PDB file of N, CA and C in Angstrom:
ATOM      1  N   MET A   1      18.790  19.501 -69.906  1.00  0.00           N
ATOM      2  CA  MET A   1      17.427  19.029 -70.074  1.00  0.00           C
ATOM      3  C   MET A   1      16.531  20.145 -70.580  1.00  0.00           C
ATOM      4  N   LYS A   2      16.759  21.381 -70.080  1.00  0.00           N
ATOM      5  CA  LYS A   2      15.933  22.506 -70.518  1.00  0.00           C
ATOM      6  C   LYS A   2      16.150  22.794 -71.997  1.00  0.00           C
ATOM      7  N   LYS A   3      17.379  22.637 -72.480  1.00  0.00           N
ATOM      8  CA  LYS A   3      17.658  22.875 -73.893  1.00  0.00           C
ATOM      9  C   LYS A   3      16.920  21.858 -74.762  1.00  0.00           C
ATOM     10  N   LEU A   4      16.879  20.618 -74.303  1.00  0.00           N
ATOM     11  CA  LEU A   4      16.177  19.577 -75.042  1.00  0.00           C
ATOM     12  C   LEU A   4      14.686  19.853 -75.080  1.00  0.00           C
ATOM     13  N   MET A   5      14.131  20.266 -73.949  1.00  0.00           N
ATOM     14  CA  MET A   5      12.702  20.595 -73.890  1.00  0.00           C
ATOM     15  C   MET A   5      12.383  21.796 -74.780  1.00  0.00           C
ATOM     16  N   THR A   6      13.241  22.789 -74.776  1.00  0.00           N
ATOM     17  CA  THR A   6      13.027  23.972 -75.606  1.00  0.00           C
ATOM     18  C   THR A   6      13.114  23.595 -77.082  1.00  0.00           C
ATOM     19  N   ALA A   7      14.074  22.763 -77.451  1.00  0.00           N
ATOM     20  CA  ALA A   7      14.213  22.332 -78.841  1.00  0.00           C
ATOM     21  C   ALA A   7      13.007  21.518 -79.280  1.00  0.00           C
ATOM     22  N   ALA A   8      12.499  20.657 -78.414  1.00  0.00           N
ATOM     23  CA  ALA A   8      11.320  19.859 -78.748  1.00  0.00           C
ATOM     24  C   ALA A   8      10.098  20.748 -78.910  1.00  0.00           C
ATOM     25  N   PHE A   9       9.946  21.752 -78.031  1.00  0.00           N
ATOM     26  CA  PHE A   9       8.815  22.665 -78.129  1.00  0.00           C
ATOM     27  C   PHE A   9       8.865  23.461 -79.426  1.00  0.00           C
ATOM     28  N   VAL A  10      10.040  23.941 -79.787  1.00  0.00           N
ATOM     29  CA  VAL A  10      10.179  24.711 -81.025  1.00  0.00           C
ATOM     30  C   VAL A  10       9.902  23.826 -82.237  1.00  0.00           C
ATOM     31  N   ALA A  11      10.352  22.585 -82.212  1.00  0.00           N
ATOM     32  CA  ALA A  11      10.136  21.676 -83.339  1.00  0.00           C
ATOM     33  C   ALA A  11       8.662  21.349 -83.508  1.00  0.00           C
ATOM     34  N   VAL A  12       7.944  21.216 -82.404  1.00  0.00           N
ATOM     35  CA  VAL A  12       6.530  20.864 -82.477  1.00  0.00           C
ATOM     36  C   VAL A  12       5.671  22.072 -82.799  1.00  0.00           C
ATOM     37  N   SER A  13       6.053  23.237 -82.299  1.00  0.00           N
ATOM     38  CA  SER A  13       5.205  24.415 -82.447  1.00  0.00           C
ATOM     39  C   SER A  13       5.342  25.097 -83.803  1.00  0.00           C
ATOM     40  N   THR A  14       6.429  24.877 -84.523  1.00  0.00           N
ATOM     41  CA  THR A  14       6.557  25.498 -85.839  1.00  0.00           C
ATOM     42  C   THR A  14       5.676  24.760 -86.829  1.00  0.00           C
ATOM     43  N   SER A  15       5.044  25.506 -87.711  1.00  0.00           N
ATOM     44  CA  SER A  15       4.161  24.893 -88.696  1.00  0.00           C
ATOM     45  C   SER A  15       4.935  24.640 -89.981  1.00  0.00           C
ATOM     46  N   PRO A  16       5.016  23.390 -90.389  1.00  0.00           N
ATOM     47  CA  PRO A  16       5.736  23.087 -91.625  1.00  0.00           C
ATOM     48  C   PRO A  16       4.923  23.537 -92.847  1.00  0.00           C
ATOM     49  N   ALA A  17       5.620  23.897 -93.900  1.00  0.00           N
ATOM     50  CA  ALA A  17       4.962  24.327 -95.129  1.00  0.00           C
ATOM     51  C   ALA A  17       4.958  23.161 -96.108  1.00  0.00           C
ATOM     52  N   PHE A  18       3.778  22.711 -96.473  1.00  0.00           N
ATOM     53  CA  PHE A  18       3.649  21.617 -97.419  1.00  0.00           C
ATOM     54  C   PHE A  18       3.186  22.165 -98.764  1.00  0.00           C
ATOM     55  N   ALA A  19       3.576  21.509 -99.822  1.00  0.00           N
ATOM     56  CA  ALA A  19       3.139  21.909-101.155  1.00  0.00           C
ATOM     57  C   ALA A  19       1.685  21.498-101.340  1.00  0.00           C
ATOM     58  N   ALA A  20       0.950  22.301-102.066  1.00  0.00           N
ATOM     59  CA  ALA A  20      -0.451  21.990-102.339  1.00  0.00           C
ATOM     60  C   ALA A  20      -0.526  20.807-103.303  1.00  0.00           C
ATOM     61  N   VAL A  21      -1.473  19.921-103.064  1.00  0.00           N
ATOM     62  CA  VAL A  21      -1.650  18.745-103.901  1.00  0.00           C
ATOM     63  C   VAL A  21      -2.879  18.963-104.766  1.00  0.00           C
ATOM     64  N   ASP A  22      -2.709  18.803-106.075  1.00  0.00           N
ATOM     65  CA  ASP A  22      -3.821  18.983-107.002  1.00  0.00           C
ATOM     66  C   ASP A  22      -4.599  17.672-107.104  1.00  0.00           C
ATOM     67  N   THR A  23      -5.842  17.675-106.653  1.00  0.00           N
ATOM     68  CA  THR A  23      -6.654  16.469-106.657  1.00  0.00           C
ATOM     69  C   THR A  23      -7.818  16.550-107.638  1.00  0.00           C
ATOM     70  N   THR A  24      -7.834  17.534-108.509  1.00  0.00           N
ATOM     71  CA  THR A  24      -8.974  17.700-109.408  1.00  0.00           C
ATOM     72  C   THR A  24      -9.086  16.554-110.406  1.00  0.00           C
ATOM     73  N   ALA A  25      -7.964  16.082-110.936  1.00  0.00           N
ATOM     74  CA  ALA A  25      -8.020  14.989-111.915  1.00  0.00           C
ATOM     75  C   ALA A  25      -8.536  13.703-111.270  1.00  0.00           C
ATOM     76  N   ALA A  26      -8.058  13.401-110.073  1.00  0.00           N
ATOM     77  CA  ALA A  26      -8.511  12.184-109.385  1.00  0.00           C
ATOM     78  C   ALA A  26      -9.983  12.292-109.007  1.00  0.00           C
ATOM     79  N   THR A  27     -10.395  13.463-108.555  1.00  0.00           N
ATOM     80  CA  THR A  27     -11.795  13.653-108.179  1.00  0.00           C
ATOM     81  C   THR A  27     -12.708  13.523-109.387  1.00  0.00           C
ATOM     82  N   THR A  28     -12.296  14.064-110.518  1.00  0.00           N
ATOM     83  CA  THR A  28     -13.094  13.956-111.736  1.00  0.00           C
ATOM     84  C   THR A  28     -13.189  12.505-112.204  1.00  0.00           C
ATOM     85  N   ALA A  29     -12.095  11.778-112.148  1.00  0.00           N
ATOM     86  CA  ALA A  29     -12.103  10.372-112.570  1.00  0.00           C
ATOM     87  C   ALA A  29     -13.007   9.536-111.670  1.00  0.00           C
ATOM     88  N   ILE A  30     -12.958   9.776-110.370  1.00  0.00           N
ATOM     89  CA  ILE A  30     -13.810   9.019-109.450  1.00  0.00           C
ATOM     90  C   ILE A  30     -15.271   9.358-109.690  1.00  0.00           C
ATOM     91  N   THR A  31     -15.555  10.617-109.937  1.00  0.00           N
ATOM     92  CA  THR A  31     -16.939  11.042-110.137  1.00  0.00           C
ATOM     93  C   THR A  31     -17.540  10.433-111.398  1.00  0.00           C
ATOM     94  N   THR A  32     -16.811  10.480-112.508  1.00  0.00           N
ATOM     95  CA  THR A  32     -17.368   9.971-113.765  1.00  0.00           C
ATOM     96  C   THR A  32     -17.342   8.441-113.824  1.00  0.00           C
ATOM     97  N   ASP A  33     -16.188   7.842-113.545  1.00  0.00           N
ATOM     98  CA  ASP A  33     -16.069   6.386-113.618  1.00  0.00           C
ATOM     99  C   ASP A  33     -16.780   5.716-112.452  1.00  0.00           C
ATOM    100  N   GLY A  34     -16.799   6.360-111.307  1.00  0.00           N
ATOM    101  CA  GLY A  34     -17.453   5.794-110.134  1.00  0.00           C
ATOM    102  C   GLY A  34     -18.951   5.679-110.319  1.00  0.00           C
ATOM    103  N   GLY A  35     -19.561   6.660-110.969  1.00  0.00           N
ATOM    104  CA  GLY A  35     -21.002   6.605-111.212  1.00  0.00           C
ATOM    105  C   GLY A  35     -21.374   5.439-112.109  1.00  0.00           C
ATOM    106  N   ALA A  36     -20.581   5.192-113.128  1.00  0.00           N
ATOM    107  CA  ALA A  36     -20.841   4.068-114.026  1.00  0.00           C
ATOM    108  C   ALA A  36     -20.659   2.734-113.303  1.00  0.00           C
ATOM    109  N   ALA A  37     -19.642   2.650-112.465  1.00  0.00           N
ATOM    110  CA  ALA A  37     -19.390   1.405-111.725  1.00  0.00           C
ATOM    111  C   ALA A  37     -20.505   1.137-110.720  1.00  0.00           C
ATOM    112  N   ILE A  38     -20.959   2.179-110.044  1.00  0.00           N
ATOM    113  CA  ILE A  38     -22.043   2.006-109.072  1.00  0.00           C
ATOM    114  C   ILE A  38     -23.320   1.580-109.776  1.00  0.00           C
ATOM    115  N   ALA A  39     -23.596   2.159-110.945  1.00  0.00           N
ATOM    116  CA  ALA A  39     -24.791   1.770-111.698  1.00  0.00           C
ATOM    117  C   ALA A  39     -24.705   0.317-112.160  1.00  0.00           C
ATOM    118  N   ALA A  40     -23.525  -0.117-112.577  1.00  0.00           N
ATOM    119  CA  ALA A  40     -23.352  -1.501-113.017  1.00  0.00           C
ATOM    120  C   ALA A  40     -23.547  -2.483-111.862  1.00  0.00           C
ATOM    121  N   VAL A  41     -22.975  -2.168-110.716  1.00  0.00           N
ATOM    122  CA  VAL A  41     -23.122  -3.050-109.556  1.00  0.00           C
ATOM    123  C   VAL A  41     -24.572  -3.070-109.093  1.00  0.00           C
ATOM    124  N   GLY A  42     -25.231  -1.919-109.079  1.00  0.00           N
ATOM    125  CA  GLY A  42     -26.635  -1.864-108.689  1.00  0.00           C
ATOM    126  C   GLY A  42     -27.515  -2.679-109.615  1.00  0.00           C
ATOM    127  N   GLY A  43     -27.261  -2.575-110.917  1.00  0.00           N
ATOM    128  CA  GLY A  43     -28.022  -3.369-111.878  1.00  0.00           C
ATOM    129  C   GLY A  43     -27.815  -4.860-111.691  1.00  0.00           C
ATOM    130  N   ALA A  44     -26.574  -5.250-111.408  1.00  0.00           N
ATOM    131  CA  ALA A  44     -26.286  -6.664-111.177  1.00  0.00           C
ATOM    132  C   ALA A  44     -26.991  -7.170-109.924  1.00  0.00           C
ATOM    133  N   LEU A  45     -26.992  -6.369-108.867  1.00  0.00           N
ATOM    134  CA  LEU A  45     -27.671  -6.789-107.637  1.00  0.00           C
ATOM    135  C   LEU A  45     -29.174  -6.916-107.835  1.00  0.00           C
ATOM    136  N   ILE A  46     -29.768  -5.997-108.575  1.00  0.00           N
ATOM    137  CA  ILE A  46     -31.199  -6.087-108.853  1.00  0.00           C
ATOM    138  C   ILE A  46     -31.497  -7.317-109.699  1.00  0.00           C
ATOM    139  N   GLY A  47     -30.633  -7.606-110.658  1.00  0.00           N
ATOM    140  CA  GLY A  47     -30.801  -8.802-111.480  1.00  0.00           C
ATOM    141  C   GLY A  47     -30.715 -10.077-110.658  1.00  0.00           C
ATOM    142  N   LEU A  48     -29.749 -10.131-109.739  1.00  0.00           N
ATOM    143  CA  LEU A  48     -29.628 -11.309-108.874  1.00  0.00           C
ATOM    144  C   LEU A  48     -30.827 -11.449-107.949  1.00  0.00           C
ATOM    145  N   ALA A  49     -31.315 -10.341-107.427  1.00  0.00           N
ATOM    146  CA  ALA A  49     -32.494 -10.395-106.554  1.00  0.00           C
ATOM    147  C   ALA A  49     -33.702 -10.899-107.335  1.00  0.00           C
ATOM    148  N   GLY A  50     -33.870 -10.422-108.567  1.00  0.00           N
ATOM    149  CA  GLY A  50     -34.973 -10.887-109.406  1.00  0.00           C
ATOM    150  C   GLY A  50     -34.865 -12.372-109.708  1.00  0.00           C
ATOM    151  N   THR A  51     -33.660 -12.835-109.983  1.00  0.00           N
ATOM    152  CA  THR A  51     -33.443 -14.255-110.246  1.00  0.00           C
ATOM    153  C   THR A  51     -33.790 -15.088-109.015  1.00  0.00           C
ATOM    154  N   ALA A  52     -33.403 -14.623-107.836  1.00  0.00           N
ATOM    155  CA  ALA A  52     -33.706 -15.361-106.619  1.00  0.00           C
ATOM    156  C   ALA A  52     -35.210 -15.427-106.368  1.00  0.00           C
ATOM    157  N   VAL A  53     -35.926 -14.332-106.637  1.00  0.00           N
ATOM    158  CA  VAL A  53     -37.375 -14.318-106.429  1.00  0.00           C
ATOM    159  C   VAL A  53     -38.058 -15.285-107.400  1.00  0.00           C
ATOM    160  N   VAL A  54     -37.637 -15.259-108.656  1.00  0.00           N
ATOM    161  CA  VAL A  54     -38.230 -16.166-109.648  1.00  0.00           C
ATOM    162  C   VAL A  54     -37.923 -17.616-109.282  1.00  0.00           C
ATOM    163  N   TYR A  55     -36.706 -17.902-108.846  1.00  0.00           N
ATOM    164  CA  TYR A  55     -36.327 -19.258-108.451  1.00  0.00           C
ATOM    165  C   TYR A  55     -37.193 -19.749-107.289  1.00  0.00           C
ATOM    166  N   LYS A  56     -37.368 -18.892-106.284  1.00  0.00           N
ATOM    167  CA  LYS A  56     -38.200 -19.293-105.147  1.00  0.00           C
ATOM    168  C   LYS A  56     -39.655 -19.492-105.569  1.00  0.00           C
ATOM    169  N   TRP A  57     -40.148 -18.668-106.497  1.00  0.00           N
ATOM    170  CA  TRP A  57     -41.520 -18.792-106.971  1.00  0.00           C
ATOM    171  C   TRP A  57     -41.713 -20.120-107.716  1.00  0.00           C
ATOM    172  N   VAL A  58     -40.764 -20.446-108.589  1.00  0.00           N
ATOM    173  CA  VAL A  58     -40.842 -21.702-109.348  1.00  0.00           C
ATOM    174  C   VAL A  58     -40.722 -22.897-108.397  1.00  0.00           C
ATOM    175  N   LYS A  59     -39.795 -22.841-107.461  1.00  0.00           N
ATOM    176  CA  LYS A  59     -39.627 -23.916-106.504  1.00  0.00           C
ATOM    177  C   LYS A  59     -40.904 -24.112-105.675  1.00  0.00           C
ATOM    178  N   GLY A  60     -41.502 -23.009-105.241  1.00  0.00           N
ATOM    179  CA  GLY A  60     -42.746 -23.090-104.473  1.00  0.00           C
ATOM    180  C   GLY A  60     -43.891 -23.626-105.304  1.00  0.00           C
ATOM    181  N   ALA A  61     -43.930 -23.297-106.599  1.00  0.00           N
ATOM    182  CA  ALA A  61     -44.990 -23.780-107.460  1.00  0.00           C
ATOM    183  C   ALA A  61     -44.860 -25.277-107.716  1.00  0.00           C
ATOM    184  N   ILE A  62     -43.629 -25.753-107.821  1.00  0.00           N
ATOM    185  CA  ILE A  62     -43.428 -27.169-108.114  1.00  0.00           C
ATOM    186  C   ILE A  62     -43.603 -28.025-106.857  1.00  0.00           C
ATOM    187  N   PHE A  63     -42.976 -27.614-105.760  1.00  0.00           N
ATOM    188  CA  PHE A  63     -42.973 -28.452-104.557  1.00  0.00           C
ATOM    189  C   PHE A  63     -44.053 -28.028-103.551  1.00  0.00           C
ATOM    190  N   GLY A  64     -44.749 -26.961-103.853  1.00  0.00           N
ATOM    191  CA  GLY A  64     -45.861 -26.416-103.136  1.00  0.00           C
ATOM    192  C   GLY A  64     -45.966 -26.652-101.723  1.00  0.00           C
TER     193      GLY A  64
END
């Protein structure tokens, strides 16, 4: 049992060496394309909000 505990402790306590992952290309793509997508969605939401306000105004004017 002591050998098993010692082996488990050694396996957990050693730090594995991982290769570095290059994320610069993904970060650049998200930054440039993400800004355009966010602007498009924001513009669409503002357009829908404006349409809803105009619709309510017209409905209120007609049915008063």
